PDB file of N, CA and C in Angstrom:
ATOM      1  N   MET A   1      24.994 -35.674 -16.193  1.00  0.00           N
ATOM      2  CA  MET A   1      26.364 -35.191 -16.221  1.00  0.00           C
ATOM      3  C   MET A   1      27.237 -36.060 -15.331  1.00  0.00           C
ATOM      4  N   THR A   2      28.427 -36.280 -15.832  1.00  0.00           N
ATOM      5  CA  THR A   2      29.366 -37.056 -15.046  1.00  0.00           C
ATOM      6  C   THR A   2      30.074 -36.105 -14.087  1.00  0.00           C
ATOM      7  N   ALA A   3      30.863 -36.706 -13.198  1.00  0.00           N
ATOM      8  CA  ALA A   3      31.569 -35.930 -12.218  1.00  0.00           C
ATOM      9  C   ALA A   3      32.591 -35.018 -12.851  1.00  0.00           C
ATOM     10  N   GLU A   4      33.243 -35.513 -13.881  1.00  0.00           N
ATOM     11  CA  GLU A   4      34.272 -34.709 -14.551  1.00  0.00           C
ATOM     12  C   GLU A   4      33.645 -33.523 -15.304  1.00  0.00           C
ATOM     13  N   LYS A   5      32.499 -33.729 -15.915  1.00  0.00           N
ATOM     14  CA  LYS A   5      31.825 -32.643 -16.613  1.00  0.00           C
ATOM     15  C   LYS A   5      31.315 -31.596 -15.621  1.00  0.00           C
ATOM     16  N   LEU A   6      30.887 -32.090 -14.480  1.00  0.00           N
ATOM     17  CA  LEU A   6      30.421 -31.204 -13.445  1.00  0.00           C
ATOM     18  C   LEU A   6      31.543 -30.366 -12.885  1.00  0.00           C
ATOM     19  N   LYS A   7      32.708 -30.960 -12.645  1.00  0.00           N
ATOM     20  CA  LYS A   7      33.837 -30.203 -12.183  1.00  0.00           C
ATOM     21  C   LYS A   7      34.282 -29.156 -13.220  1.00  0.00           C
ATOM     22  N   GLU A   8      34.271 -29.542 -14.463  1.00  0.00           N
ATOM     23  CA  GLU A   8      34.622 -28.658 -15.562  1.00  0.00           C
ATOM     24  C   GLU A   8      33.635 -27.477 -15.608  1.00  0.00           C
ATOM     25  N   PHE A   9      32.377 -27.762 -15.373  1.00  0.00           N
ATOM     26  CA  PHE A   9      31.313 -26.755 -15.412  1.00  0.00           C
ATOM     27  C   PHE A   9      31.547 -25.696 -14.317  1.00  0.00           C
ATOM     28  N   PHE A  10      31.882 -26.159 -13.097  1.00  0.00           N
ATOM     29  CA  PHE A  10      32.067 -25.216 -11.990  1.00  0.00           C
ATOM     30  C   PHE A  10      33.440 -24.523 -11.987  1.00  0.00           C
ATOM     31  N   LYS A  11      34.342 -24.886 -12.893  1.00  0.00           N
ATOM     32  CA  LYS A  11      35.609 -24.203 -13.016  1.00  0.00           C
ATOM     33  C   LYS A  11      35.427 -22.846 -13.687  1.00  0.00           C
ATOM     34  N   ASN A  12      34.387 -22.666 -14.405  1.00  0.00           N
ATOM     35  CA  ASN A  12      34.074 -21.414 -15.094  1.00  0.00           C
ATOM     36  C   ASN A  12      33.723 -20.369 -14.081  1.00  0.00           C
ATOM     37  N   LYS A  13      34.456 -19.264 -14.007  1.00  0.00           N
ATOM     38  CA  LYS A  13      34.227 -18.209 -13.027  1.00  0.00           C
ATOM     39  C   LYS A  13      32.835 -17.582 -13.157  1.00  0.00           C
ATOM     40  N   THR A  14      32.365 -17.412 -14.382  1.00  0.00           N
ATOM     41  CA  THR A  14      31.040 -16.826 -14.600  1.00  0.00           C
ATOM     42  C   THR A  14      29.943 -17.674 -13.988  1.00  0.00           C
ATOM     43  N   VAL A  15      30.047 -18.974 -14.119  1.00  0.00           N
ATOM     44  CA  VAL A  15      29.090 -19.901 -13.541  1.00  0.00           C
ATOM     45  C   VAL A  15      29.081 -19.772 -12.032  1.00  0.00           C
ATOM     46  N   ARG A  16      30.279 -19.714 -11.444  1.00  0.00           N
ATOM     47  CA  ARG A  16      30.339 -19.620  -9.975  1.00  0.00           C
ATOM     48  C   ARG A  16      29.770 -18.289  -9.499  1.00  0.00           C
ATOM     49  N   ILE A  17      30.017 -17.185 -10.218  1.00  0.00           N
ATOM     50  CA  ILE A  17      29.475 -15.886  -9.827  1.00  0.00           C
ATOM     51  C   ILE A  17      27.950 -15.884  -9.922  1.00  0.00           C
ATOM     52  N   VAL A  18      27.417 -16.471 -10.977  1.00  0.00           N
ATOM     53  CA  VAL A  18      25.947 -16.532 -11.137  1.00  0.00           C
ATOM     54  C   VAL A  18      25.317 -17.346 -10.047  1.00  0.00           C
ATOM     55  N   ILE A  19      25.944 -18.460  -9.702  1.00  0.00           N
ATOM     56  CA  ILE A  19      25.439 -19.345  -8.582  1.00  0.00           C
ATOM     57  C   ILE A  19      25.436 -18.578  -7.285  1.00  0.00           C
ATOM     58  N   ILE A  20      26.545 -17.901  -6.971  1.00  0.00           N
ATOM     59  CA  ILE A  20      26.634 -17.138  -5.731  1.00  0.00           C
ATOM     60  C   ILE A  20      25.596 -16.032  -5.706  1.00  0.00           C
ATOM     61  N   CYS A  21      25.373 -15.355  -6.823  1.00  0.00           N
ATOM     62  CA  CYS A  21      24.352 -14.283  -6.872  1.00  0.00           C
ATOM     63  C   CYS A  21      22.930 -14.837  -6.633  1.00  0.00           C
ATOM     64  N   VAL A  22      22.663 -16.009  -7.245  1.00  0.00           N
ATOM     65  CA  VAL A  22      21.336 -16.647  -7.081  1.00  0.00           C
ATOM     66  C   VAL A  22      21.154 -17.048  -5.646  1.00  0.00           C
ATOM     67  N   LEU A  23      22.167 -17.630  -5.007  1.00  0.00           N
ATOM     68  CA  LEU A  23      22.061 -18.025  -3.599  1.00  0.00           C
ATOM     69  C   LEU A  23      21.888 -16.776  -2.698  1.00  0.00           C
ATOM     70  N   ALA A  24      22.594 -15.728  -3.015  1.00  0.00           N
ATOM     71  CA  ALA A  24      22.435 -14.511  -2.206  1.00  0.00           C
ATOM     72  C   ALA A  24      21.051 -13.936  -2.338  1.00  0.00           C
ATOM     73  N   LEU A  25      20.492 -13.985  -3.533  1.00  0.00           N
ATOM     74  CA  LEU A  25      19.108 -13.472  -3.755  1.00  0.00           C
ATOM     75  C   LEU A  25      18.083 -14.325  -3.016  1.00  0.00           C
ATOM     76  N   VAL A  26      18.301 -15.638  -3.056  1.00  0.00           N
ATOM     77  CA  VAL A  26      17.376 -16.528  -2.311  1.00  0.00           C
ATOM     78  C   VAL A  26      17.471 -16.252  -0.816  1.00  0.00           C
ATOM     79  N   LEU A  27      18.666 -16.106  -0.304  1.00  0.00           N
ATOM     80  CA  LEU A  27      18.859 -15.785   1.142  1.00  0.00           C
ATOM     81  C   LEU A  27      18.231 -14.475   1.503  1.00  0.00           C
ATOM     82  N   LEU A  28      18.343 -13.478   0.651  1.00  0.00           N
ATOM     83  CA  LEU A  28      17.744 -12.159   0.888  1.00  0.00           C
ATOM     84  C   LEU A  28      16.220 -12.265   0.921  1.00  0.00           C
ATOM     85  N   LEU A  29      15.649 -12.985  -0.026  1.00  0.00           N
ATOM     86  CA  LEU A  29      14.176 -13.144  -0.056  1.00  0.00           C
ATOM     87  C   LEU A  29      13.663 -13.909   1.161  1.00  0.00           C
ATOM     88  N   VAL A  30      14.349 -14.950   1.553  1.00  0.00           N
ATOM     89  CA  VAL A  30      13.927 -15.721   2.735  1.00  0.00           C
ATOM     90  C   VAL A  30      14.001 -14.846   3.960  1.00  0.00           C
ATOM     91  N   SER A  31      15.090 -14.078   4.151  1.00  0.00           N
ATOM     92  CA  SER A  31      15.199 -13.256   5.321  1.00  0.00           C
ATOM     93  C   SER A  31      14.142 -12.116   5.324  1.00  0.00           C
ATOM     94  N   TYR A  32      13.821 -11.601   4.147  1.00  0.00           N
ATOM     95  CA  TYR A  32      12.762 -10.593   4.072  1.00  0.00           C
ATOM     96  C   TYR A  32      11.434 -11.142   4.556  1.00  0.00           C
ATOM     97  N   PHE A  33      11.039 -12.311   4.100  1.00  0.00           N
ATOM     98  CA  PHE A  33       9.760 -12.889   4.458  1.00  0.00           C
ATOM     99  C   PHE A  33       9.740 -13.351   5.930  1.00  0.00           C
ATOM    100  N   VAL A  34      10.867 -13.661   6.477  1.00  0.00           N
ATOM    101  CA  VAL A  34      10.918 -14.102   7.883  1.00  0.00           C
ATOM    102  C   VAL A  34      10.908 -12.900   8.800  1.00  0.00           C
ATOM    103  N   PHE A  35      11.665 -11.862   8.497  1.00  0.00           N
ATOM    104  CA  PHE A  35      11.851 -10.782   9.465  1.00  0.00           C
ATOM    105  C   PHE A  35      11.051  -9.492   9.150  1.00  0.00           C
ATOM    106  N   ALA A  36      10.554  -9.329   7.969  1.00  0.00           N
ATOM    107  CA  ALA A  36       9.835  -8.101   7.611  1.00  0.00           C
ATOM    108  C   ALA A  36       8.474  -8.078   8.299  1.00  0.00           C
ATOM    109  N   LYS A  37       8.005  -6.847   8.575  1.00  0.00           N
ATOM    110  CA  LYS A  37       6.690  -6.684   9.141  1.00  0.00           C
ATOM    111  C   LYS A  37       5.647  -6.918   8.012  1.00  0.00           C
ATOM    112  N   ARG A  38       4.719  -7.736   8.280  1.00  0.00           N
ATOM    113  CA  ARG A  38       3.745  -8.100   7.252  1.00  0.00           C
ATOM    114  C   ARG A  38       2.362  -7.558   7.661  1.00  0.00           C
ATOM    115  N   GLY A  39       1.731  -6.801   6.725  1.00  0.00           N
ATOM    116  CA  GLY A  39       0.352  -6.395   6.864  1.00  0.00           C
ATOM    117  C   GLY A  39       0.138  -5.611   8.198  1.00  0.00           C
ATOM    118  N   LYS A  40      -0.869  -5.990   8.927  1.00  0.00           N
ATOM    119  CA  LYS A  40      -1.246  -5.284  10.130  1.00  0.00           C
ATOM    120  C   LYS A  40      -0.394  -5.701  11.332  1.00  0.00           C
ATOM    121  N   GLU A  41       0.325  -6.789  11.199  1.00  0.00           N
ATOM    122  CA  GLU A  41       1.059  -7.304  12.370  1.00  0.00           C
ATOM    123  C   GLU A  41       2.295  -6.478  12.577  1.00  0.00           C
ATOM    124  N   GLN A  42       2.455  -5.995  13.833  1.00  0.00           N
ATOM    125  CA  GLN A  42       3.565  -5.130  14.181  1.00  0.00           C
ATOM    126  C   GLN A  42       4.002  -5.572  15.552  1.00  0.00           C
ATOM    127  N   ASP A  43       5.286  -5.968  15.693  1.00  0.00           N
ATOM    128  CA  ASP A  43       5.808  -6.403  16.962  1.00  0.00           C
ATOM    129  C   ASP A  43       5.018  -7.550  17.580  1.00  0.00           C
ATOM    130  N   GLY A  44       4.541  -8.468  16.713  1.00  0.00           N
ATOM    131  CA  GLY A  44       3.849  -9.640  17.192  1.00  0.00           C
ATOM    132  C   GLY A  44       2.392  -9.317  17.633  1.00  0.00           C
ATOM    133  N   TYR A  45       1.911  -8.143  17.331  1.00  0.00           N
ATOM    134  CA  TYR A  45       0.547  -7.760  17.729  1.00  0.00           C
ATOM    135  C   TYR A  45      -0.241  -7.338  16.495  1.00  0.00           C
ATOM    136  N   ALA A  46      -1.302  -8.136  16.263  1.00  0.00           N
ATOM    137  CA  ALA A  46      -2.160  -7.810  15.094  1.00  0.00           C
ATOM    138  C   ALA A  46      -3.160  -6.728  15.501  1.00  0.00           C
ATOM    139  N   ARG A  47      -3.170  -5.639  14.783  1.00  0.00           N
ATOM    140  CA  ARG A  47      -4.087  -4.525  15.139  1.00  0.00           C
ATOM    141  C   ARG A  47      -5.505  -4.876  14.723  1.00  0.00           C
ATOM    142  N   THR A  48      -6.438  -4.393  15.482  1.00  0.00           N
ATOM    143  CA  THR A  48      -7.847  -4.597  15.165  1.00  0.00           C
ATOM    144  C   THR A  48      -8.273  -3.556  14.151  1.00  0.00           C
ATOM    145  N   GLU A  49      -9.454  -3.777  13.571  1.00  0.00           N
ATOM    146  CA  GLU A  49      -9.980  -2.825  12.608  1.00  0.00           C
ATOM    147  C   GLU A  49     -10.206  -1.474  13.253  1.00  0.00           C
ATOM    148  N   ARG A  50     -10.688  -1.455  14.512  1.00  0.00           N
ATOM    149  CA  ARG A  50     -10.950  -0.233  15.226  1.00  0.00           C
ATOM    150  C   ARG A  50      -9.653   0.523  15.401  1.00  0.00           C
ATOM    151  N   GLU A  51      -8.542  -0.121  15.740  1.00  0.00           N
ATOM    152  CA  GLU A  51      -7.273   0.518  15.906  1.00  0.00           C
ATOM    153  C   GLU A  51      -6.763   1.064  14.573  1.00  0.00           C
ATOM    154  N   GLU A  52      -6.894   0.331  13.535  1.00  0.00           N
ATOM    155  CA  GLU A  52      -6.480   0.755  12.179  1.00  0.00           C
ATOM    156  C   GLU A  52      -7.214   2.045  11.759  1.00  0.00           C
ATOM    157  N   ARG A  53      -8.510   2.049  11.976  1.00  0.00           N
ATOM    158  CA  ARG A  53      -9.329   3.224  11.617  1.00  0.00           C
ATOM    159  C   ARG A  53      -8.893   4.463  12.392  1.00  0.00           C
ATOM    160  N   LEU A  54      -8.654   4.273  13.690  1.00  0.00           N
ATOM    161  CA  LEU A  54      -8.252   5.405  14.533  1.00  0.00           C
ATOM    162  C   LEU A  54      -6.857   5.931  14.100  1.00  0.00           C
ATOM    163  N   VAL A  55      -5.957   5.028  13.748  1.00  0.00           N
ATOM    164  CA  VAL A  55      -4.633   5.430  13.266  1.00  0.00           C
ATOM    165  C   VAL A  55      -4.818   6.302  11.972  1.00  0.00           C
ATOM    166  N   LEU A  56      -5.670   5.843  11.047  1.00  0.00           N
ATOM    167  CA  LEU A  56      -5.873   6.610   9.820  1.00  0.00           C
ATOM    168  C   LEU A  56      -6.444   7.991  10.138  1.00  0.00           C
ATOM    169  N   LEU A  57      -7.334   8.124  11.103  1.00  0.00           N
ATOM    170  CA  LEU A  57      -7.863   9.387  11.472  1.00  0.00           C
ATOM    171  C   LEU A  57      -6.760  10.324  12.073  1.00  0.00           C
ATOM    172  N   LEU A  58      -6.016   9.757  13.007  1.00  0.00           N
ATOM    173  CA  LEU A  58      -4.983  10.557  13.664  1.00  0.00           C
ATOM    174  C   LEU A  58      -3.880  10.993  12.698  1.00  0.00           C
ATOM    175  N   GLU A  59      -3.550  10.218  11.724  1.00  0.00           N
ATOM    176  CA  GLU A  59      -2.473  10.582  10.801  1.00  0.00           C
ATOM    177  C   GLU A  59      -2.937  11.664   9.847  1.00  0.00           C
ATOM    178  N   LYS A  60      -4.219  11.996   9.830  1.00  0.00           N
ATOM    179  CA  LYS A  60      -4.697  13.120   9.000  1.00  0.00           C
ATOM    180  C   LYS A  60      -4.430  14.462   9.654  1.00  0.00           C
ATOM    181  N   LEU A  61      -4.096  14.469  10.933  1.00  0.00           N
ATOM    182  CA  LEU A  61      -3.748  15.719  11.616  1.00  0.00           C
ATOM    183  C   LEU A  61      -2.425  16.244  11.038  1.00  0.00           C
ATOM    184  N   ASP A  62      -2.319  17.567  10.918  1.00  0.00           N
ATOM    185  CA  ASP A  62      -1.131  18.175  10.348  1.00  0.00           C
ATOM    186  C   ASP A  62       0.182  17.843  11.022  1.00  0.00           C
ATOM    187  N   ASP A  63       0.156  17.881  12.341  1.00  0.00           N
ATOM    188  CA  ASP A  63       1.411  17.715  13.103  1.00  0.00           C
ATOM    189  C   ASP A  63       1.672  16.279  13.528  1.00  0.00           C
ATOM    190  N   VAL A  64       0.868  15.297  13.074  1.00  0.00           N
ATOM    191  CA  VAL A  64       1.088  13.920  13.425  1.00  0.00           C
ATOM    192  C   VAL A  64       1.615  13.188  12.188  1.00  0.00           C
ATOM    193  N   ASP A  65       2.827  12.703  12.281  1.00  0.00           N
ATOM    194  CA  ASP A  65       3.485  12.023  11.164  1.00  0.00           C
ATOM    195  C   ASP A  65       3.172  10.500  11.145  1.00  0.00           C
ATOM    196  N   GLY A  66       2.936   9.947  12.302  1.00  0.00           N
ATOM    197  CA  GLY A  66       2.651   8.542  12.430  1.00  0.00           C
ATOM    198  C   GLY A  66       2.031   8.274  13.807  1.00  0.00           C
ATOM    199  N   ALA A  67       1.249   7.196  13.878  1.00  0.00           N
ATOM    200  CA  ALA A  67       0.612   6.902  15.184  1.00  0.00           C
ATOM    201  C   ALA A  67       0.511   5.393  15.367  1.00  0.00           C
ATOM    202  N   THR A  68       0.511   4.952  16.596  1.00  0.00           N
ATOM    203  CA  THR A  68       0.295   3.583  16.968  1.00  0.00           C
ATOM    204  C   THR A  68      -0.735   3.606  18.092  1.00  0.00           C
ATOM    205  N   VAL A  69      -1.771   2.797  17.920  1.00  0.00           N
ATOM    206  CA  VAL A  69      -2.890   2.810  18.902  1.00  0.00           C
ATOM    207  C   VAL A  69      -3.127   1.382  19.392  1.00  0.00           C
ATOM    208  N   MET A  70      -3.395   1.348  20.703  1.00  0.00           N
ATOM    209  CA  MET A  70      -3.833   0.044  21.322  1.00  0.00           C
ATOM    210  C   MET A  70      -5.091   0.329  22.080  1.00  0.00           C
ATOM    211  N   VAL A  71      -6.171  -0.347  21.738  1.00  0.00           N
ATOM    212  CA  VAL A  71      -7.439  -0.194  22.401  1.00  0.00           C
ATOM    213  C   VAL A  71      -7.732  -1.427  23.259  1.00  0.00           C
ATOM    214  N   THR A  72      -8.044  -1.169  24.536  1.00  0.00           N
ATOM    215  CA  THR A  72      -8.434  -2.229  25.449  1.00  0.00           C
ATOM    216  C   THR A  72      -9.958  -2.345  25.390  1.00  0.00           C
ATOM    217  N   GLU A  73     -10.429  -3.568  25.238  1.00  0.00           N
ATOM    218  CA  GLU A  73     -11.872  -3.810  25.167  1.00  0.00           C
ATOM    219  C   GLU A  73     -12.312  -4.778  26.230  1.00  0.00           C
ATOM    220  N   GLU A  74     -13.532  -4.640  26.663  1.00  0.00           N
ATOM    221  CA  GLU A  74     -14.178  -5.596  27.528  1.00  0.00           C
ATOM    222  C   GLU A  74     -15.518  -5.980  26.904  1.00  0.00           C
ATOM    223  N   ASP A  75     -15.711  -7.238  26.649  1.00  0.00           N
ATOM    224  CA  ASP A  75     -16.914  -7.722  25.924  1.00  0.00           C
ATOM    225  C   ASP A  75     -17.143  -7.028  24.635  1.00  0.00           C
ATOM    226  N   GLY A  76     -16.066  -6.711  23.909  1.00  0.00           N
ATOM    227  CA  GLY A  76     -16.194  -6.089  22.576  1.00  0.00           C
ATOM    228  C   GLY A  76     -16.435  -4.614  22.601  1.00  0.00           C
ATOM    229  N   VAL A  77     -16.424  -4.021  23.787  1.00  0.00           N
ATOM    230  CA  VAL A  77     -16.674  -2.556  23.923  1.00  0.00           C
ATOM    231  C   VAL A  77     -15.366  -1.896  24.343  1.00  0.00           C
ATOM    232  N   PRO A  78     -14.980  -0.822  23.613  1.00  0.00           N
ATOM    233  CA  PRO A  78     -13.732  -0.111  24.035  1.00  0.00           C
ATOM    234  C   PRO A  78     -13.809   0.498  25.411  1.00  0.00           C
ATOM    235  N   VAL A  79     -12.745   0.322  26.180  1.00  0.00           N
ATOM    236  CA  VAL A  79     -12.741   0.814  27.568  1.00  0.00           C
ATOM    237  C   VAL A  79     -11.630   1.912  27.694  1.00  0.00           C
ATOM    238  N   SER A  80     -10.506   1.672  27.070  1.00  0.00           N
ATOM    239  CA  SER A  80      -9.391   2.632  27.166  1.00  0.00           C
ATOM    240  C   SER A  80      -8.529   2.541  25.907  1.00  0.00           C
ATOM    241  N   ALA A  81      -7.661   3.558  25.754  1.00  0.00           N
ATOM    242  CA  ALA A  81      -6.773   3.575  24.582  1.00  0.00           C
ATOM    243  C   ALA A  81      -5.453   4.182  24.966  1.00  0.00           C
ATOM    244  N   ILE A  82      -4.433   3.634  24.305  1.00  0.00           N
ATOM    245  CA  ILE A  82      -3.052   4.192  24.445  1.00  0.00           C
ATOM    246  C   ILE A  82      -2.655   4.600  23.048  1.00  0.00           C
ATOM    247  N   VAL A  83      -2.178   5.845  22.910  1.00  0.00           N
ATOM    248  CA  VAL A  83      -1.819   6.405  21.615  1.00  0.00           C
ATOM    249  C   VAL A  83      -0.349   6.865  21.686  1.00  0.00           C
ATOM    250  N   PHE A  84       0.484   6.321  20.825  1.00  0.00           N
ATOM    251  CA  PHE A  84       1.818   6.824  20.618  1.00  0.00           C
ATOM    252  C   PHE A  84       1.830   7.575  19.287  1.00  0.00           C
ATOM    253  N   PHE A  85       2.393   8.770  19.266  1.00  0.00           N
ATOM    254  CA  PHE A  85       2.400   9.469  17.997  1.00  0.00           C
ATOM    255  C   PHE A  85       3.815  10.043  17.728  1.00  0.00           C
ATOM    256  N   GLU A  86       4.081  10.240  16.437  1.00  0.00           N
ATOM    257  CA  GLU A  86       5.293  10.854  15.973  1.00  0.00           C
ATOM    258  C   GLU A  86       4.905  12.165  15.391  1.00  0.00           C
ATOM    259  N   GLY A  87       5.772  13.180  15.600  1.00  0.00           N
ATOM    260  CA  GLY A  87       5.499  14.482  15.031  1.00  0.00           C
ATOM    261  C   GLY A  87       5.705  15.578  16.066  1.00  0.00           C
ATOM    262  N   THR A  88       5.119  16.731  15.827  1.00  0.00           N
ATOM    263  CA  THR A  88       5.240  17.845  16.750  1.00  0.00           C
ATOM    264  C   THR A  88       4.497  17.580  18.066  1.00  0.00           C
ATOM    265  N   ASP A  89       5.227  17.651  19.142  1.00  0.00           N
ATOM    266  CA  ASP A  89       4.629  17.402  20.459  1.00  0.00           C
ATOM    267  C   ASP A  89       4.230  18.730  21.053  1.00  0.00           C
ATOM    268  N   GLY A  90       2.988  18.995  21.165  1.00  0.00           N
ATOM    269  CA  GLY A  90       2.476  20.234  21.735  1.00  0.00           C
ATOM    270  C   GLY A  90       1.129  20.053  22.341  1.00  0.00           C
ATOM    271  N   LEU A  91       0.702  21.006  23.129  1.00  0.00           N
ATOM    272  CA  LEU A  91      -0.541  20.915  23.794  1.00  0.00           C
ATOM    273  C   LEU A  91      -1.755  20.792  22.878  1.00  0.00           C
ATOM    274  N   LEU A  92      -1.734  21.620  21.773  1.00  0.00           N
ATOM    275  CA  LEU A  92      -2.830  21.577  20.801  1.00  0.00           C
ATOM    276  C   LEU A  92      -2.898  20.218  20.099  1.00  0.00           C
ATOM    277  N   VAL A  93      -1.751  19.659  19.739  1.00  0.00           N
ATOM    278  CA  VAL A  93      -1.690  18.375  19.050  1.00  0.00           C
ATOM    279  C   VAL A  93      -2.275  17.314  19.998  1.00  0.00           C
ATOM    280  N   ARG A  94      -1.829  17.317  21.239  1.00  0.00           N
ATOM    281  CA  ARG A  94      -2.319  16.301  22.182  1.00  0.00           C
ATOM    282  C   ARG A  94      -3.852  16.471  22.463  1.00  0.00           C
ATOM    283  N   MET A  95      -4.312  17.684  22.480  1.00  0.00           N
ATOM    284  CA  MET A  95      -5.762  17.886  22.642  1.00  0.00           C
ATOM    285  C   MET A  95      -6.559  17.350  21.466  1.00  0.00           C
ATOM    286  N   HIS A  96      -6.025  17.574  20.271  1.00  0.00           N
ATOM    287  CA  HIS A  96      -6.724  17.044  19.074  1.00  0.00           C
ATOM    288  C   HIS A  96      -6.729  15.499  19.093  1.00  0.00           C
ATOM    289  N   ILE A  97      -5.590  14.921  19.458  1.00  0.00           N
ATOM    290  CA  ILE A  97      -5.491  13.466  19.526  1.00  0.00           C
ATOM    291  C   ILE A  97      -6.489  12.921  20.579  1.00  0.00           C
ATOM    292  N   LEU A  98      -6.550  13.601  21.687  1.00  0.00           N
ATOM    293  CA  LEU A  98      -7.417  13.203  22.797  1.00  0.00           C
ATOM    294  C   LEU A  98      -8.897  13.265  22.370  1.00  0.00           C
ATOM    295  N   GLU A  99      -9.297  14.367  21.735  1.00  0.00           N
ATOM    296  CA  GLU A  99     -10.711  14.542  21.337  1.00  0.00           C
ATOM    297  C   GLU A  99     -11.080  13.535  20.253  1.00  0.00           C
ATOM    298  N   ILE A 100     -10.245  13.383  19.265  1.00  0.00           N
ATOM    299  CA  ILE A 100     -10.508  12.447  18.163  1.00  0.00           C
ATOM    300  C   ILE A 100     -10.621  11.003  18.665  1.00  0.00           C
ATOM    301  N   SER A 101      -9.655  10.612  19.512  1.00  0.00           N
ATOM    302  CA  SER A 101      -9.633   9.263  20.015  1.00  0.00           C
ATOM    303  C   SER A 101     -10.832   8.939  20.898  1.00  0.00           C
ATOM    304  N   ALA A 102     -11.153   9.865  21.781  1.00  0.00           N
ATOM    305  CA  ALA A 102     -12.284   9.648  22.686  1.00  0.00           C
ATOM    306  C   ALA A 102     -13.598   9.563  21.912  1.00  0.00           C
ATOM    307  N   ALA A 103     -13.772  10.494  20.916  1.00  0.00           N
ATOM    308  CA  ALA A 103     -14.991  10.523  20.154  1.00  0.00           C
ATOM    309  C   ALA A 103     -15.120   9.306  19.246  1.00  0.00           C
ATOM    310  N   ALA A 104     -14.043   8.918  18.612  1.00  0.00           N
ATOM    311  CA  ALA A 104     -14.057   7.794  17.673  1.00  0.00           C
ATOM    312  C   ALA A 104     -14.344   6.481  18.383  1.00  0.00           C
ATOM    313  N   LEU A 105     -13.861   6.357  19.612  1.00  0.00           N
ATOM    314  CA  LEU A 105     -14.044   5.092  20.352  1.00  0.00           C
ATOM    315  C   LEU A 105     -15.257   5.139  21.241  1.00  0.00           C
ATOM    316  N   GLY A 106     -15.814   6.318  21.497  1.00  0.00           N
ATOM    317  CA  GLY A 106     -16.949   6.477  22.367  1.00  0.00           C
ATOM    318  C   GLY A 106     -16.634   6.225  23.813  1.00  0.00           C
ATOM    319  N   ILE A 107     -15.421   6.633  24.229  1.00  0.00           N
ATOM    320  CA  ILE A 107     -14.998   6.463  25.603  1.00  0.00           C
ATOM    321  C   ILE A 107     -14.735   7.826  26.238  1.00  0.00           C
ATOM    322  N   ASP A 108     -14.618   7.817  27.573  1.00  0.00           N
ATOM    323  CA  ASP A 108     -14.304   9.036  28.314  1.00  0.00           C
ATOM    324  C   ASP A 108     -12.867   9.504  27.999  1.00  0.00           C
ATOM    325  N   ARG A 109     -12.679  10.794  27.915  1.00  0.00           N
ATOM    326  CA  ARG A 109     -11.368  11.321  27.633  1.00  0.00           C
ATOM    327  C   ARG A 109     -10.297  10.932  28.667  1.00  0.00           C
ATOM    328  N   SER A 110     -10.700  10.688  29.895  1.00  0.00           N
ATOM    329  CA  SER A 110      -9.719  10.278  30.929  1.00  0.00           C
ATOM    330  C   SER A 110      -9.181   8.888  30.686  1.00  0.00           C
ATOM    331  N   ASN A 111      -9.803   8.129  29.815  1.00  0.00           N
ATOM    332  CA  ASN A 111      -9.341   6.799  29.509  1.00  0.00           C
ATOM    333  C   ASN A 111      -8.485   6.724  28.261  1.00  0.00           C
ATOM    334  N   VAL A 112      -8.091   7.876  27.735  1.00  0.00           N
ATOM    335  CA  VAL A 112      -7.174   7.924  26.582  1.00  0.00           C
ATOM    336  C   VAL A 112      -5.831   8.467  27.046  1.00  0.00           C
ATOM    337  N   HIS A 113      -4.798   7.697  26.868  1.00  0.00           N
ATOM    338  CA  HIS A 113      -3.464   8.051  27.296  1.00  0.00           C
ATOM    339  C   HIS A 113      -2.580   8.303  26.079  1.00  0.00           C
ATOM    340  N   ILE A 114      -1.906   9.452  26.005  1.00  0.00           N
ATOM    341  CA  ILE A 114      -1.221   9.912  24.851  1.00  0.00           C
ATOM    342  C   ILE A 114       0.264  10.079  25.183  1.00  0.00           C
ATOM    343  N   TYR A 115       1.140   9.543  24.310  1.00  0.00           N
ATOM    344  CA  TYR A 115       2.548   9.622  24.516  1.00  0.00           C
ATOM    345  C   TYR A 115       3.235   9.935  23.175  1.00  0.00           C
ATOM    346  N   ALA A 116       4.212  10.843  23.265  1.00  0.00           N
ATOM    347  CA  ALA A 116       5.012  11.161  22.056  1.00  0.00           C
ATOM    348  C   ALA A 116       6.128  10.142  21.902  1.00  0.00           C
ATOM    349  N   SER A 117       6.297   9.625  20.703  1.00  0.00           N
ATOM    350  CA  SER A 117       7.373   8.642  20.466  1.00  0.00           C
ATOM    351  C   SER A 117       8.700   9.355  20.473  1.00  0.00           C
ATOM    352  N   ALA A 118       9.693   8.703  21.039  1.00  0.00           N
ATOM    353  CA  ALA A 118      11.010   9.324  21.078  1.00  0.00           C
ATOM    354  C   ALA A 118      11.775   9.031  19.827  1.00  0.00           C
TER     355      ALA A 118
END
C-alpha cells in the first residue's frame, strides 16, 4: 500500500474504531496476565501441597467461607501454622479450625495460630 492509500484507509471511522477496540483488547489481555493471580501463587507466595490440602479441608466447615494457610517447616516436617479465615468468627469455629489444622499437620495445637480476616 502506498502512503496515500494508507491515509485514505485510516480516514474511515469504522476502521479507526475497530483498531482502537483491538488495541484496547490487547491491552486488557496483557494487563490480565501481568497482574492477575495465577494458580497457586498468591501475593508472591506459592502455596505448598500441604497448605492447599489444609485449605480445602477448612473450607468444608459450614462457617468458613475462605481460608489462607501458611505452614512453617523444618527439614520437611511441619512445625507451626498460621490460619486466616473468612466467615463467622466464633469460639466453636476457631476450635474446629484448631483441631483440623493440628490433626492434619500432625503438630501440637499450641503451634496453630488462628486469625479472622477483616
